[in-house]
Amino acid sequence: MQRATWTAAEILSEYQHDIESFELQMGAGGDFEFSIDGRAIYSKRETGEYPDIKVLKQAVVDAIEALATA
């Protein structure tokens, strides 16, 4: 849980003005699901691994850009 909390803090500290809401769900077995404004950004269930913070930040940037052009 500490790692997920740290990850959320990193994302918020950098993108707090760009994200209206985000959801971080932790489940049994170390699941890690990250969504922004209701859109799934990263799923450990799909990849089988916890995201590197650089990978997750790039996914956040991509999501922000996609929401801005929608």
PDB file of N, CA and C in Angstrom:
ATOM      1  N   MET A   1       0.813  -1.185   0.000  1.00  0.00           N
ATOM      2  CA  MET A   1       0.000   0.000   0.000  1.00  0.00           C
ATOM      3  C   MET A   1       0.863   1.258   0.000  1.00  0.00           C
ATOM      4  N   GLN A   2       2.024   1.212   0.626  1.00  0.00           N
ATOM      5  CA  GLN A   2       2.891   2.376   0.655  1.00  0.00           C
ATOM      6  C   GLN A   2       3.320   2.785  -0.750  1.00  0.00           C
ATOM      7  N   ARG A   3       3.618   1.812  -1.565  1.00  0.00           N
ATOM      8  CA  ARG A   3       4.054   2.101  -2.929  1.00  0.00           C
ATOM      9  C   ARG A   3       2.935   2.772  -3.722  1.00  0.00           C
ATOM     10  N   ALA A   4       1.724   2.294  -3.575  1.00  0.00           N
ATOM     11  CA  ALA A   4       0.582   2.882  -4.272  1.00  0.00           C
ATOM     12  C   ALA A   4       0.324   4.301  -3.779  1.00  0.00           C
ATOM     13  N   THR A   5       0.441   4.517  -2.482  1.00  0.00           N
ATOM     14  CA  THR A   5       0.247   5.853  -1.922  1.00  0.00           C
ATOM     15  C   THR A   5       1.319   6.800  -2.428  1.00  0.00           C
ATOM     16  N   TRP A   6       2.558   6.361  -2.457  1.00  0.00           N
ATOM     17  CA  TRP A   6       3.652   7.178  -2.981  1.00  0.00           C
ATOM     18  C   TRP A   6       3.403   7.517  -4.451  1.00  0.00           C
ATOM     19  N   THR A   7       2.967   6.527  -5.223  1.00  0.00           N
ATOM     20  CA  THR A   7       2.679   6.745  -6.645  1.00  0.00           C
ATOM     21  C   THR A   7       1.592   7.793  -6.820  1.00  0.00           C
ATOM     22  N   ALA A   8       0.528   7.686  -6.058  1.00  0.00           N
ATOM     23  CA  ALA A   8      -0.561   8.660  -6.140  1.00  0.00           C
ATOM     24  C   ALA A   8      -0.068  10.056  -5.777  1.00  0.00           C
ATOM     25  N   ALA A   9       0.757  10.168  -4.756  1.00  0.00           N
ATOM     26  CA  ALA A   9       1.303  11.464  -4.349  1.00  0.00           C
ATOM     27  C   ALA A   9       2.185  12.056  -5.449  1.00  0.00           C
ATOM     28  N   GLU A  10       2.976  11.234  -6.099  1.00  0.00           N
ATOM     29  CA  GLU A  10       3.821  11.697  -7.205  1.00  0.00           C
ATOM     30  C   GLU A  10       2.978  12.245  -8.355  1.00  0.00           C
ATOM     31  N   ILE A  11       1.932  11.516  -8.709  1.00  0.00           N
ATOM     32  CA  ILE A  11       1.064  11.945  -9.807  1.00  0.00           C
ATOM     33  C   ILE A  11       0.358  13.249  -9.434  1.00  0.00           C
ATOM     34  N   LEU A  12      -0.182  13.312  -8.227  1.00  0.00           N
ATOM     35  CA  LEU A  12      -0.885  14.521  -7.805  1.00  0.00           C
ATOM     36  C   LEU A  12       0.033  15.729  -7.713  1.00  0.00           C
ATOM     37  N   SER A  13       1.236  15.532  -7.231  1.00  0.00           N
ATOM     38  CA  SER A  13       2.141  16.672  -7.085  1.00  0.00           C
ATOM     39  C   SER A  13       2.503  17.278  -8.434  1.00  0.00           C
ATOM     40  N   GLU A  14       2.553  16.477  -9.450  1.00  0.00           N
ATOM     41  CA  GLU A  14       2.948  16.969 -10.762  1.00  0.00           C
ATOM     42  C   GLU A  14       1.774  17.390 -11.642  1.00  0.00           C
ATOM     43  N   TYR A  15       0.631  16.744 -11.490  1.00  0.00           N
ATOM     44  CA  TYR A  15      -0.484  16.971 -12.415  1.00  0.00           C
ATOM     45  C   TYR A  15      -1.768  17.439 -11.739  1.00  0.00           C
ATOM     46  N   GLN A  16      -1.669  17.976 -10.533  1.00  0.00           N
ATOM     47  CA  GLN A  16      -2.869  18.339  -9.772  1.00  0.00           C
ATOM     48  C   GLN A  16      -3.746  19.360 -10.483  1.00  0.00           C
ATOM     49  N   HIS A  17      -3.185  20.201 -11.320  1.00  0.00           N
ATOM     50  CA  HIS A  17      -3.975  21.213 -12.018  1.00  0.00           C
ATOM     51  C   HIS A  17      -4.572  20.696 -13.323  1.00  0.00           C
ATOM     52  N   ASP A  18      -4.138  19.523 -13.749  1.00  0.00           N
ATOM     53  CA  ASP A  18      -4.590  18.956 -15.015  1.00  0.00           C
ATOM     54  C   ASP A  18      -5.612  17.842 -14.846  1.00  0.00           C
ATOM     55  N   ILE A  19      -5.734  17.324 -13.646  1.00  0.00           N
ATOM     56  CA  ILE A  19      -6.606  16.181 -13.391  1.00  0.00           C
ATOM     57  C   ILE A  19      -7.761  16.612 -12.502  1.00  0.00           C
ATOM     58  N   GLU A  20      -8.967  16.432 -13.013  1.00  0.00           N
ATOM     59  CA  GLU A  20     -10.147  16.762 -12.208  1.00  0.00           C
ATOM     60  C   GLU A  20     -10.343  15.735 -11.095  1.00  0.00           C
ATOM     61  N   SER A  21     -10.153  14.469 -11.436  1.00  0.00           N
ATOM     62  CA  SER A  21     -10.262  13.411 -10.437  1.00  0.00           C
ATOM     63  C   SER A  21      -9.442  12.215 -10.892  1.00  0.00           C
ATOM     64  N   PHE A  22      -9.037  11.415  -9.942  1.00  0.00           N
ATOM     65  CA  PHE A  22      -8.391  10.162 -10.278  1.00  0.00           C
ATOM     66  C   PHE A  22      -8.790   9.126  -9.255  1.00  0.00           C
ATOM     67  N   GLU A  23      -8.660   7.896  -9.661  1.00  0.00           N
ATOM     68  CA  GLU A  23      -9.038   6.800  -8.784  1.00  0.00           C
ATOM     69  C   GLU A  23      -7.927   5.778  -8.792  1.00  0.00           C
ATOM     70  N   LEU A  24      -7.540   5.379  -7.618  1.00  0.00           N
ATOM     71  CA  LEU A  24      -6.520   4.364  -7.448  1.00  0.00           C
ATOM     72  C   LEU A  24      -7.164   3.235  -6.670  1.00  0.00           C
ATOM     73  N   GLN A  25      -7.280   2.077  -7.289  1.00  0.00           N
ATOM     74  CA  GLN A  25      -7.905   0.935  -6.627  1.00  0.00           C
ATOM     75  C   GLN A  25      -6.851  -0.106  -6.325  1.00  0.00           C
ATOM     76  N   MET A  26      -6.812  -0.517  -5.092  1.00  0.00           N
ATOM     77  CA  MET A  26      -5.911  -1.586  -4.701  1.00  0.00           C
ATOM     78  C   MET A  26      -6.767  -2.765  -4.264  1.00  0.00           C
ATOM     79  N   GLY A  27      -6.410  -3.917  -4.720  1.00  0.00           N
ATOM     80  CA  GLY A  27      -7.180  -5.096  -4.369  1.00  0.00           C
ATOM     81  C   GLY A  27      -6.284  -6.206  -3.867  1.00  0.00           C
ATOM     82  N   ALA A  28      -6.850  -7.347  -3.717  1.00  0.00           N
ATOM     83  CA  ALA A  28      -6.112  -8.508  -3.239  1.00  0.00           C
ATOM     84  C   ALA A  28      -5.025  -8.897  -4.229  1.00  0.00           C
ATOM     85  N   GLY A  29      -3.951  -9.418  -3.726  1.00  0.00           N
ATOM     86  CA  GLY A  29      -2.891  -9.910  -4.594  1.00  0.00           C
ATOM     87  C   GLY A  29      -2.060  -8.821  -5.248  1.00  0.00           C
ATOM     88  N   GLY A  30      -2.103  -7.603  -4.699  1.00  0.00           N
ATOM     89  CA  GLY A  30      -1.289  -6.532  -5.233  1.00  0.00           C
ATOM     90  C   GLY A  30      -1.825  -5.912  -6.509  1.00  0.00           C
ATOM     91  N   ASP A  31      -3.128  -6.051  -6.764  1.00  0.00           N
ATOM     92  CA  ASP A  31      -3.719  -5.395  -7.935  1.00  0.00           C
ATOM     93  C   ASP A  31      -3.440  -3.902  -7.876  1.00  0.00           C
ATOM     94  N   PHE A  32      -3.260  -3.291  -9.037  1.00  0.00           N
ATOM     95  CA  PHE A  32      -3.026  -1.855  -9.137  1.00  0.00           C
ATOM     96  C   PHE A  32      -3.742  -1.364 -10.375  1.00  0.00           C
ATOM     97  N   GLU A  33      -4.808  -0.623 -10.165  1.00  0.00           N
ATOM     98  CA  GLU A  33      -5.609  -0.077 -11.262  1.00  0.00           C
ATOM     99  C   GLU A  33      -5.626   1.436 -11.107  1.00  0.00           C
ATOM    100  N   PHE A  34      -5.298   2.163 -12.145  1.00  0.00           N
ATOM    101  CA  PHE A  34      -5.223   3.625 -12.072  1.00  0.00           C
ATOM    102  C   PHE A  34      -6.096   4.210 -13.163  1.00  0.00           C
ATOM    103  N   SER A  35      -7.007   5.108 -12.762  1.00  0.00           N
ATOM    104  CA  SER A  35      -7.928   5.746 -13.700  1.00  0.00           C
ATOM    105  C   SER A  35      -7.902   7.253 -13.506  1.00  0.00           C
ATOM    106  N   ILE A  36      -8.137   7.989 -14.584  1.00  0.00           N
ATOM    107  CA  ILE A  36      -8.272   9.435 -14.523  1.00  0.00           C
ATOM    108  C   ILE A  36      -9.600   9.803 -15.157  1.00  0.00           C
ATOM    109  N   ASP A  37     -10.383  10.568 -14.427  1.00  0.00           N
ATOM    110  CA  ASP A  37     -11.688  11.010 -14.907  1.00  0.00           C
ATOM    111  C   ASP A  37     -12.508   9.852 -15.476  1.00  0.00           C
ATOM    112  N   GLY A  38     -12.423   8.699 -14.814  1.00  0.00           N
ATOM    113  CA  GLY A  38     -13.200   7.537 -15.214  1.00  0.00           C
ATOM    114  C   GLY A  38     -12.596   6.690 -16.322  1.00  0.00           C
ATOM    115  N   ARG A  39     -11.459   7.099 -16.847  1.00  0.00           N
ATOM    116  CA  ARG A  39     -10.795   6.338 -17.919  1.00  0.00           C
ATOM    117  C   ARG A  39      -9.630   5.538 -17.354  1.00  0.00           C
ATOM    118  N   ALA A  40      -9.612   4.254 -17.646  1.00  0.00           N
ATOM    119  CA  ALA A  40      -8.523   3.399 -17.185  1.00  0.00           C
ATOM    120  C   ALA A  40      -7.218   3.844 -17.841  1.00  0.00           C
ATOM    121  N   ILE A  41      -6.202   4.043 -17.023  1.00  0.00           N
ATOM    122  CA  ILE A  41      -4.891   4.493 -17.500  1.00  0.00           C
ATOM    123  C   ILE A  41      -3.873   3.362 -17.435  1.00  0.00           C
ATOM    124  N   TYR A  42      -3.917   2.608 -16.348  1.00  0.00           N
ATOM    125  CA  TYR A  42      -2.950   1.521 -16.181  1.00  0.00           C
ATOM    126  C   TYR A  42      -3.591   0.402 -15.384  1.00  0.00           C
ATOM    127  N   SER A  43      -3.347  -0.816 -15.800  1.00  0.00           N
ATOM    128  CA  SER A  43      -3.875  -1.981 -15.105  1.00  0.00           C
ATOM    129  C   SER A  43      -2.771  -3.017 -14.923  1.00  0.00           C
ATOM    130  N   LYS A  44      -2.433  -3.279 -13.676  1.00  0.00           N
ATOM    131  CA  LYS A  44      -1.458  -4.324 -13.393  1.00  0.00           C
ATOM    132  C   LYS A  44      -2.019  -5.690 -13.776  1.00  0.00           C
ATOM    133  N   ARG A  45      -3.350  -5.826 -13.709  1.00  0.00           N
ATOM    134  CA  ARG A  45      -3.975  -7.092 -14.127  1.00  0.00           C
ATOM    135  C   ARG A  45      -3.654  -7.384 -15.591  1.00  0.00           C
ATOM    136  N   GLU A  46      -3.654  -6.332 -16.413  1.00  0.00           N
ATOM    137  CA  GLU A  46      -3.384  -6.522 -17.843  1.00  0.00           C
ATOM    138  C   GLU A  46      -1.900  -6.714 -18.145  1.00  0.00           C
ATOM    139  N   THR A  47      -1.042  -5.960 -17.456  1.00  0.00           N
ATOM    140  CA  THR A  47       0.388  -6.013 -17.755  1.00  0.00           C
ATOM    141  C   THR A  47       1.135  -7.061 -16.944  1.00  0.00           C
ATOM    142  N   GLY A  48       0.598  -7.389 -15.773  1.00  0.00           N
ATOM    143  CA  GLY A  48       1.262  -8.351 -14.909  1.00  0.00           C
ATOM    144  C   GLY A  48       2.368  -7.756 -14.068  1.00  0.00           C
ATOM    145  N   GLU A  49       2.558  -6.434 -14.156  1.00  0.00           N
ATOM    146  CA  GLU A  49       3.614  -5.816 -13.356  1.00  0.00           C
ATOM    147  C   GLU A  49       3.205  -4.431 -12.863  1.00  0.00           C
ATOM    148  N   TYR A  50       3.803  -4.040 -11.759  1.00  0.00           N
ATOM    149  CA  TYR A  50       3.576  -2.705 -11.213  1.00  0.00           C
ATOM    150  C   TYR A  50       4.274  -1.714 -12.132  1.00  0.00           C
ATOM    151  N   PRO A  51       3.639  -0.579 -12.427  1.00  0.00           N
ATOM    152  CA  PRO A  51       4.236   0.341 -13.388  1.00  0.00           C
ATOM    153  C   PRO A  51       5.441   1.096 -12.843  1.00  0.00           C
ATOM    154  N   ASP A  52       6.414   1.295 -13.682  1.00  0.00           N
ATOM    155  CA  ASP A  52       7.500   2.214 -13.381  1.00  0.00           C
ATOM    156  C   ASP A  52       6.878   3.607 -13.351  1.00  0.00           C
ATOM    157  N   ILE A  53       7.314   4.474 -12.459  1.00  0.00           N
ATOM    158  CA  ILE A  53       6.699   5.790 -12.329  1.00  0.00           C
ATOM    159  C   ILE A  53       6.797   6.580 -13.636  1.00  0.00           C
ATOM    160  N   LYS A  54       7.870   6.420 -14.390  1.00  0.00           N
ATOM    161  CA  LYS A  54       8.000   7.120 -15.675  1.00  0.00           C
ATOM    162  C   LYS A  54       6.942   6.647 -16.662  1.00  0.00           C
ATOM    163  N   VAL A  55       6.672   5.366 -16.686  1.00  0.00           N
ATOM    164  CA  VAL A  55       5.654   4.797 -17.570  1.00  0.00           C
ATOM    165  C   VAL A  55       4.274   5.325 -17.179  1.00  0.00           C
ATOM    166  N   LEU A  56       4.000   5.341 -15.880  1.00  0.00           N
ATOM    167  CA  LEU A  56       2.708   5.814 -15.415  1.00  0.00           C
ATOM    168  C   LEU A  56       2.539   7.310 -15.694  1.00  0.00           C
ATOM    169  N   LYS A  57       3.584   8.092 -15.478  1.00  0.00           N
ATOM    170  CA  LYS A  57       3.492   9.530 -15.760  1.00  0.00           C
ATOM    171  C   LYS A  57       3.244   9.783 -17.244  1.00  0.00           C
ATOM    172  N   GLN A  58       3.869   9.007 -18.110  1.00  0.00           N
ATOM    173  CA  GLN A  58       3.625   9.174 -19.545  1.00  0.00           C
ATOM    174  C   GLN A  58       2.183   8.810 -19.886  1.00  0.00           C
ATOM    175  N   ALA A  59       1.661   7.774 -19.245  1.00  0.00           N
ATOM    176  CA  ALA A  59       0.264   7.403 -19.463  1.00  0.00           C
ATOM    177  C   ALA A  59      -0.667   8.520 -18.994  1.00  0.00           C
ATOM    178  N   VAL A  60      -0.314   9.189 -17.916  1.00  0.00           N
ATOM    179  CA  VAL A  60      -1.104  10.315 -17.424  1.00  0.00           C
ATOM    180  C   VAL A  60      -1.073  11.456 -18.428  1.00  0.00           C
ATOM    181  N   VAL A  61       0.115  11.796 -18.931  1.00  0.00           N
ATOM    182  CA  VAL A  61       0.243  12.859 -19.935  1.00  0.00           C
ATOM    183  C   VAL A  61      -0.582  12.520 -21.158  1.00  0.00           C
ATOM    184  N   ASP A  62      -0.495  11.293 -21.627  1.00  0.00           N
ATOM    185  CA  ASP A  62      -1.283  10.857 -22.798  1.00  0.00           C
ATOM    186  C   ASP A  62      -2.780  11.006 -22.538  1.00  0.00           C
ATOM    187  N   ALA A  63      -3.217  10.639 -21.343  1.00  0.00           N
ATOM    188  CA  ALA A  63      -4.639  10.738 -20.980  1.00  0.00           C
ATOM    189  C   ALA A  63      -5.080  12.194 -20.911  1.00  0.00           C
ATOM    190  N   ILE A  64      -4.258  13.048 -20.344  1.00  0.00           N
ATOM    191  CA  ILE A  64      -4.588  14.468 -20.257  1.00  0.00           C
ATOM    192  C   ILE A  64      -4.718  15.058 -21.652  1.00  0.00           C
ATOM    193  N   GLU A  65      -3.784  14.721 -22.530  1.00  0.00           N
ATOM    194  CA  GLU A  65      -3.844  15.221 -23.908  1.00  0.00           C
ATOM    195  C   GLU A  65      -5.082  14.704 -24.624  1.00  0.00           C
ATOM    196  N   ALA A  66      -5.418  13.447 -24.419  1.00  0.00           N
ATOM    197  CA  ALA A  66      -6.608  12.874 -25.064  1.00  0.00           C
ATOM    198  C   ALA A  66      -7.877  13.545 -24.561  1.00  0.00           C
ATOM    199  N   LEU A  67      -7.935  13.833 -23.278  1.00  0.00           N
ATOM    200  CA  LEU A  67      -9.123  14.499 -22.721  1.00  0.00           C
ATOM    201  C   LEU A  67      -9.230  15.932 -23.226  1.00  0.00           C
ATOM    202  N   ALA A  68      -8.096  16.584 -23.440  1.00  0.00           N
ATOM    203  CA  ALA A  68      -8.102  17.962 -23.916  1.00  0.00           C
ATOM    204  C   ALA A  68      -8.581  18.065 -25.355  1.00  0.00           C
ATOM    205  N   THR A  69      -8.358  17.032 -26.137  1.00  0.00           N
ATOM    206  CA  THR A  69      -8.764  17.065 -27.551  1.00  0.00           C
ATOM    207  C   THR A  69     -10.124  16.437 -27.776  1.00  0.00           C
ATOM    208  N   ALA A  70     -10.704  15.849 -26.729  1.00  0.00           N
ATOM    209  CA  ALA A  70     -12.017  15.200 -26.873  1.00  0.00           C
ATOM    210  C   ALA A  70     -13.147  16.194 -26.876  1.00  0.00           C
TER     211      ALA A  70
END
